[in-house]
Amino acid sequence: MSREFASFMASITGESAEQRLKELSEILDKVMQIVVNSIDQLSGNITQMETRIQNLTARIVKLETSTVPAPMGAPGIAPGVPPPMPISGPPMPPPEPKVVSPMSARSALQGELKALFARKKKE
């Protein structure tokens, strides 16, 4: 496409400024039409996706809120679904707290710079 544009520009170099301006405006008009059509297609696709998401959300909510009668002796468990396995083993230890340095990063950097400049002055 860039070659075509370059050849087009080379072909109109001998023409009047008015003719060049007219042809360039036609090109700009076509480019704008492409951009507008692309935006229309994108907004249509986004609208379709939003509709699908809303439908899926409604289905999920409906499935979550629907009540299935529990079998005898196992309250809250749907028929055909195995009961949950009990969690066994030692409980997970709490995460270790991060060691917070008493010096901030900024002051540490300033300290390093001071030490470097002091060494540089000694040399």
N, C-alpha and C. Protein backbone atom coordinates (compact mmCIF):
# COMPACT_ATOMS: atom_id res chain seq x y z
N MET A 1 0.83 -1.19 0.00
CA MET A 1 0.00 0.00 0.00
C MET A 1 0.87 1.25 0.00
N SER A 2 2.01 1.20 0.71
CA SER A 2 2.87 2.37 0.74
C SER A 2 3.50 2.60 -0.62
N ARG A 3 3.78 1.53 -1.37
CA ARG A 3 4.31 1.69 -2.73
C ARG A 3 3.29 2.35 -3.63
N GLU A 4 2.03 1.91 -3.48
CA GLU A 4 0.97 2.50 -4.28
C GLU A 4 0.83 3.98 -3.98
N PHE A 5 0.92 4.32 -2.71
CA PHE A 5 0.80 5.73 -2.33
C PHE A 5 1.98 6.53 -2.87
N ALA A 6 3.18 5.94 -2.79
CA ALA A 6 4.37 6.63 -3.30
C ALA A 6 4.27 6.83 -4.80
N SER A 7 3.79 5.79 -5.52
CA SER A 7 3.64 5.95 -6.97
C SER A 7 2.57 6.96 -7.30
N PHE A 8 1.52 7.00 -6.51
CA PHE A 8 0.48 8.00 -6.71
C PHE A 8 1.04 9.41 -6.51
N MET A 9 1.82 9.58 -5.44
CA MET A 9 2.42 10.89 -5.17
C MET A 9 3.36 11.29 -6.30
N ALA A 10 4.11 10.33 -6.86
CA ALA A 10 5.02 10.63 -7.96
C ALA A 10 4.25 11.00 -9.21
N SER A 11 3.09 10.38 -9.42
CA SER A 11 2.32 10.66 -10.63
C SER A 11 1.65 12.03 -10.60
N ILE A 12 1.39 12.56 -9.43
CA ILE A 12 0.69 13.85 -9.38
C ILE A 12 1.66 15.02 -9.19
N THR A 13 2.97 14.78 -9.22
CA THR A 13 3.91 15.88 -8.99
C THR A 13 3.84 16.93 -10.08
N GLY A 14 3.49 16.54 -11.29
CA GLY A 14 3.43 17.50 -12.37
C GLY A 14 2.09 18.21 -12.48
N GLU A 15 1.12 17.81 -11.72
CA GLU A 15 -0.21 18.39 -11.82
C GLU A 15 -0.31 19.67 -10.98
N SER A 16 -1.40 20.37 -11.18
CA SER A 16 -1.59 21.62 -10.45
C SER A 16 -1.87 21.32 -8.98
N ALA A 17 -1.68 22.31 -8.15
CA ALA A 17 -1.89 22.15 -6.72
C ALA A 17 -3.36 21.83 -6.43
N GLU A 18 -4.25 22.41 -7.21
CA GLU A 18 -5.68 22.16 -6.99
C GLU A 18 -6.03 20.70 -7.28
N GLN A 19 -5.46 20.16 -8.36
CA GLN A 19 -5.72 18.76 -8.71
C GLN A 19 -5.13 17.82 -7.66
N ARG A 20 -3.92 18.11 -7.17
CA ARG A 20 -3.30 17.29 -6.13
C ARG A 20 -4.12 17.31 -4.85
N LEU A 21 -4.59 18.51 -4.51
CA LEU A 21 -5.40 18.65 -3.31
C LEU A 21 -6.71 17.86 -3.43
N LYS A 22 -7.31 17.90 -4.61
CA LYS A 22 -8.55 17.16 -4.83
C LYS A 22 -8.32 15.65 -4.69
N GLU A 23 -7.26 15.13 -5.26
CA GLU A 23 -6.99 13.70 -5.20
C GLU A 23 -6.62 13.27 -3.78
N LEU A 24 -5.86 14.11 -3.08
CA LEU A 24 -5.53 13.79 -1.69
C LEU A 24 -6.76 13.81 -0.80
N SER A 25 -7.69 14.73 -1.07
CA SER A 25 -8.91 14.77 -0.28
C SER A 25 -9.77 13.54 -0.53
N GLU A 26 -9.74 13.00 -1.76
CA GLU A 26 -10.47 11.77 -2.05
C GLU A 26 -9.87 10.60 -1.27
N ILE A 27 -8.54 10.56 -1.21
CA ILE A 27 -7.88 9.51 -0.44
C ILE A 27 -8.25 9.62 1.03
N LEU A 28 -8.21 10.82 1.56
CA LEU A 28 -8.55 11.04 2.96
C LEU A 28 -10.00 10.64 3.23
N ASP A 29 -10.88 10.94 2.28
CA ASP A 29 -12.29 10.57 2.43
C ASP A 29 -12.44 9.05 2.50
N LYS A 30 -11.72 8.32 1.65
CA LYS A 30 -11.80 6.86 1.66
C LYS A 30 -11.26 6.29 2.97
N VAL A 31 -10.17 6.86 3.45
CA VAL A 31 -9.60 6.40 4.72
C VAL A 31 -10.59 6.64 5.85
N MET A 32 -11.23 7.78 5.86
CA MET A 32 -12.21 8.08 6.91
C MET A 32 -13.40 7.13 6.84
N GLN A 33 -13.82 6.77 5.63
CA GLN A 33 -14.92 5.81 5.48
C GLN A 33 -14.52 4.46 6.08
N ILE A 34 -13.28 4.04 5.82
CA ILE A 34 -12.80 2.78 6.38
C ILE A 34 -12.80 2.83 7.89
N VAL A 35 -12.34 3.94 8.45
CA VAL A 35 -12.28 4.08 9.91
C VAL A 35 -13.69 4.07 10.50
N VAL A 36 -14.60 4.79 9.91
CA VAL A 36 -15.97 4.85 10.43
C VAL A 36 -16.63 3.47 10.34
N ASN A 37 -16.43 2.76 9.23
CA ASN A 37 -17.00 1.42 9.10
C ASN A 37 -16.42 0.47 10.14
N SER A 38 -15.12 0.59 10.38
CA SER A 38 -14.48 -0.27 11.38
C SER A 38 -15.05 0.01 12.76
N ILE A 39 -15.23 1.28 13.08
CA ILE A 39 -15.79 1.64 14.39
C ILE A 39 -17.21 1.10 14.52
N ASP A 40 -18.00 1.19 13.47
CA ASP A 40 -19.36 0.66 13.50
C ASP A 40 -19.36 -0.85 13.73
N GLN A 41 -18.46 -1.55 13.04
CA GLN A 41 -18.38 -3.00 13.22
C GLN A 41 -17.95 -3.35 14.64
N LEU A 42 -16.96 -2.63 15.16
CA LEU A 42 -16.50 -2.89 16.52
C LEU A 42 -17.60 -2.63 17.54
N SER A 43 -18.31 -1.54 17.39
CA SER A 43 -19.37 -1.26 18.36
C SER A 43 -20.49 -2.30 18.26
N GLY A 44 -20.76 -2.79 17.07
CA GLY A 44 -21.75 -3.87 16.93
C GLY A 44 -21.28 -5.15 17.61
N ASN A 45 -20.00 -5.48 17.43
CA ASN A 45 -19.45 -6.67 18.08
C ASN A 45 -19.48 -6.52 19.60
N ILE A 46 -19.16 -5.35 20.09
CA ILE A 46 -19.18 -5.11 21.53
C ILE A 46 -20.60 -5.25 22.07
N THR A 47 -21.57 -4.74 21.34
CA THR A 47 -22.97 -4.85 21.76
C THR A 47 -23.39 -6.32 21.83
N GLN A 48 -22.99 -7.09 20.82
CA GLN A 48 -23.32 -8.53 20.83
C GLN A 48 -22.66 -9.23 22.01
N MET A 49 -21.42 -8.89 22.29
CA MET A 49 -20.72 -9.51 23.42
C MET A 49 -21.38 -9.13 24.74
N GLU A 50 -21.78 -7.87 24.89
CA GLU A 50 -22.46 -7.45 26.11
C GLU A 50 -23.76 -8.22 26.29
N THR A 51 -24.49 -8.43 25.20
CA THR A 51 -25.74 -9.19 25.27
C THR A 51 -25.46 -10.63 25.70
N ARG A 52 -24.43 -11.24 25.13
CA ARG A 52 -24.08 -12.61 25.51
C ARG A 52 -23.67 -12.68 26.97
N ILE A 53 -22.91 -11.71 27.43
CA ILE A 53 -22.47 -11.70 28.83
C ILE A 53 -23.68 -11.56 29.75
N GLN A 54 -24.61 -10.69 29.40
CA GLN A 54 -25.81 -10.53 30.21
C GLN A 54 -26.62 -11.82 30.25
N ASN A 55 -26.73 -12.49 29.10
CA ASN A 55 -27.47 -13.76 29.06
C ASN A 55 -26.78 -14.81 29.92
N LEU A 56 -25.45 -14.90 29.80
CA LEU A 56 -24.72 -15.88 30.61
C LEU A 56 -24.82 -15.56 32.09
N THR A 57 -24.76 -14.28 32.44
CA THR A 57 -24.89 -13.89 33.84
C THR A 57 -26.26 -14.27 34.38
N ALA A 58 -27.28 -14.04 33.58
CA ALA A 58 -28.63 -14.40 34.00
C ALA A 58 -28.76 -15.91 34.19
N ARG A 59 -28.15 -16.68 33.28
CA ARG A 59 -28.19 -18.14 33.42
C ARG A 59 -27.45 -18.61 34.66
N ILE A 60 -26.30 -17.99 34.94
CA ILE A 60 -25.52 -18.37 36.13
C ILE A 60 -26.31 -18.06 37.39
N VAL A 61 -26.91 -16.88 37.44
CA VAL A 61 -27.70 -16.50 38.62
C VAL A 61 -28.87 -17.47 38.78
N LYS A 62 -29.49 -17.83 37.67
CA LYS A 62 -30.62 -18.75 37.74
C LYS A 62 -30.17 -20.11 38.25
N LEU A 63 -29.01 -20.59 37.78
CA LEU A 63 -28.51 -21.88 38.24
C LEU A 63 -28.09 -21.83 39.71
N GLU A 64 -27.52 -20.72 40.14
CA GLU A 64 -27.09 -20.61 41.53
C GLU A 64 -28.27 -20.50 42.49
N THR A 65 -29.33 -19.89 42.04
CA THR A 65 -30.47 -19.68 42.94
C THR A 65 -31.48 -20.80 42.88
N SER A 66 -31.37 -21.67 41.87
CA SER A 66 -32.34 -22.76 41.79
C SER A 66 -32.09 -23.73 42.94
N THR A 67 -33.18 -24.21 43.53
CA THR A 67 -33.06 -25.12 44.66
C THR A 67 -33.32 -26.53 44.18
N VAL A 68 -32.40 -27.43 44.54
CA VAL A 68 -32.55 -28.84 44.20
C VAL A 68 -32.87 -29.56 45.50
N PRO A 69 -33.92 -30.37 45.51
CA PRO A 69 -34.25 -31.07 46.75
C PRO A 69 -33.13 -32.02 47.14
N ALA A 70 -32.76 -31.99 48.44
CA ALA A 70 -31.67 -32.82 48.95
C ALA A 70 -32.19 -34.22 49.23
N PRO A 71 -31.34 -35.24 48.99
CA PRO A 71 -31.77 -36.60 49.31
C PRO A 71 -31.82 -36.78 50.83
N MET A 72 -32.49 -37.82 51.24
CA MET A 72 -32.64 -38.09 52.67
C MET A 72 -31.29 -38.32 53.32
N GLY A 73 -31.04 -37.68 54.44
CA GLY A 73 -29.83 -37.91 55.20
C GLY A 73 -28.65 -37.07 54.75
N ALA A 74 -28.74 -36.38 53.66
CA ALA A 74 -27.62 -35.55 53.20
C ALA A 74 -28.17 -34.18 52.82
N PRO A 75 -28.34 -33.30 53.78
CA PRO A 75 -28.91 -31.99 53.47
C PRO A 75 -27.94 -31.15 52.63
N GLY A 76 -28.50 -30.50 51.64
CA GLY A 76 -27.72 -29.56 50.82
C GLY A 76 -26.91 -30.20 49.72
N ILE A 77 -27.04 -31.52 49.48
CA ILE A 77 -26.27 -32.17 48.43
C ILE A 77 -27.24 -32.63 47.35
N ALA A 78 -26.94 -32.31 46.11
CA ALA A 78 -27.80 -32.67 44.99
C ALA A 78 -27.65 -34.15 44.69
N PRO A 79 -28.71 -34.78 44.19
CA PRO A 79 -28.61 -36.21 43.86
C PRO A 79 -27.59 -36.42 42.75
N GLY A 80 -26.81 -37.49 42.87
CA GLY A 80 -25.83 -37.81 41.84
C GLY A 80 -24.51 -37.10 42.03
N VAL A 81 -24.43 -36.20 43.00
CA VAL A 81 -23.20 -35.47 43.25
C VAL A 81 -22.54 -36.09 44.47
N PRO A 82 -21.27 -36.48 44.35
CA PRO A 82 -20.61 -37.09 45.51
C PRO A 82 -20.41 -36.07 46.61
N PRO A 83 -20.44 -36.53 47.87
CA PRO A 83 -20.24 -35.59 48.98
C PRO A 83 -18.82 -35.05 48.96
N PRO A 84 -18.61 -33.86 49.46
CA PRO A 84 -17.27 -33.28 49.45
C PRO A 84 -16.34 -34.08 50.36
N MET A 85 -15.08 -34.15 49.94
CA MET A 85 -14.09 -34.87 50.73
C MET A 85 -13.69 -34.01 51.91
N PRO A 86 -13.56 -34.62 53.10
CA PRO A 86 -13.14 -33.83 54.25
C PRO A 86 -11.68 -33.43 54.10
N ILE A 87 -11.35 -32.26 54.54
CA ILE A 87 -9.99 -31.76 54.47
C ILE A 87 -9.23 -32.34 55.65
N SER A 88 -8.14 -33.02 55.36
CA SER A 88 -7.36 -33.61 56.43
C SER A 88 -5.94 -33.08 56.38
N GLY A 89 -5.22 -33.28 57.43
CA GLY A 89 -3.83 -32.84 57.48
C GLY A 89 -3.70 -31.63 58.37
N PRO A 90 -2.46 -31.24 58.61
CA PRO A 90 -2.25 -30.09 59.50
C PRO A 90 -2.69 -28.80 58.82
N PRO A 91 -3.15 -27.87 59.61
CA PRO A 91 -3.56 -26.59 59.01
C PRO A 91 -2.34 -25.86 58.45
N MET A 92 -2.59 -25.05 57.47
CA MET A 92 -1.52 -24.27 56.85
C MET A 92 -0.99 -23.25 57.85
N PRO A 93 0.34 -23.14 57.96
CA PRO A 93 0.88 -22.14 58.89
C PRO A 93 0.64 -20.74 58.34
N PRO A 94 0.50 -19.77 59.22
CA PRO A 94 0.29 -18.41 58.74
C PRO A 94 1.54 -17.92 58.02
N PRO A 95 1.37 -17.07 57.03
CA PRO A 95 2.54 -16.58 56.31
C PRO A 95 3.44 -15.76 57.23
N GLU A 96 4.73 -15.90 56.98
CA GLU A 96 5.68 -15.16 57.81
C GLU A 96 5.61 -13.68 57.46
N PRO A 97 5.63 -12.83 58.48
CA PRO A 97 5.57 -11.40 58.18
C PRO A 97 6.86 -10.95 57.51
N LYS A 98 6.72 -10.01 56.60
CA LYS A 98 7.88 -9.47 55.90
C LYS A 98 8.67 -8.59 56.86
N VAL A 99 9.97 -8.70 56.74
CA VAL A 99 10.83 -7.88 57.57
C VAL A 99 10.89 -6.49 56.95
N VAL A 100 10.49 -5.52 57.72
CA VAL A 100 10.49 -4.15 57.25
C VAL A 100 11.79 -3.51 57.71
N SER A 101 12.53 -3.02 56.73
CA SER A 101 13.80 -2.41 57.10
C SER A 101 13.52 -1.07 57.77
N PRO A 102 14.33 -0.72 58.76
CA PRO A 102 14.10 0.54 59.44
C PRO A 102 14.43 1.73 58.55
N MET A 103 15.16 1.48 57.46
CA MET A 103 15.58 2.56 56.59
C MET A 103 14.76 2.48 55.29
N SER A 104 14.27 3.58 54.83
CA SER A 104 13.52 3.59 53.59
C SER A 104 14.48 3.44 52.41
N ALA A 105 13.94 3.12 51.27
CA ALA A 105 14.76 2.94 50.08
C ALA A 105 15.46 4.25 49.71
N ARG A 106 14.75 5.33 49.88
CA ARG A 106 15.32 6.63 49.53
C ARG A 106 16.53 6.96 50.41
N SER A 107 16.39 6.73 51.70
CA SER A 107 17.51 7.06 52.59
C SER A 107 18.66 6.09 52.37
N ALA A 108 18.35 4.83 52.03
CA ALA A 108 19.42 3.87 51.73
C ALA A 108 20.19 4.30 50.50
N LEU A 109 19.49 4.75 49.48
CA LEU A 109 20.15 5.23 48.27
C LEU A 109 20.98 6.45 48.55
N GLN A 110 20.46 7.36 49.35
CA GLN A 110 21.23 8.57 49.70
C GLN A 110 22.48 8.21 50.47
N GLY A 111 22.39 7.24 51.37
CA GLY A 111 23.55 6.80 52.13
C GLY A 111 24.62 6.20 51.22
N GLU A 112 24.18 5.38 50.25
CA GLU A 112 25.14 4.79 49.31
C GLU A 112 25.81 5.87 48.47
N LEU A 113 25.03 6.83 48.02
CA LEU A 113 25.61 7.92 47.22
C LEU A 113 26.61 8.73 48.04
N LYS A 114 26.29 9.00 49.29
CA LYS A 114 27.22 9.75 50.14
C LYS A 114 28.53 8.99 50.29
N ALA A 115 28.42 7.67 50.50
CA ALA A 115 29.62 6.86 50.66
C ALA A 115 30.45 6.85 49.38
N LEU A 116 29.80 6.75 48.24
CA LEU A 116 30.53 6.77 46.97
C LEU A 116 31.24 8.10 46.74
N PHE A 117 30.53 9.20 47.02
CA PHE A 117 31.14 10.52 46.82
C PHE A 117 32.29 10.74 47.81
N ALA A 118 32.16 10.23 49.03
CA ALA A 118 33.23 10.37 50.01
C ALA A 118 34.47 9.60 49.54
N ARG A 119 34.28 8.40 49.00
CA ARG A 119 35.39 7.62 48.46
C ARG A 119 36.03 8.32 47.28
N LYS A 120 35.19 8.91 46.44
CA LYS A 120 35.69 9.62 45.26
C LYS A 120 36.54 10.81 45.67
N LYS A 121 36.13 11.55 46.73
CA LYS A 121 36.89 12.70 47.19
C LYS A 121 38.23 12.28 47.76
N LYS A 122 38.28 11.13 48.44
CA LYS A 122 39.53 10.64 49.02
C LYS A 122 40.53 10.27 47.92
N GLU A 123 40.06 9.82 46.81
CA GLU A 123 40.94 9.40 45.71
C GLU A 123 41.40 10.58 44.96
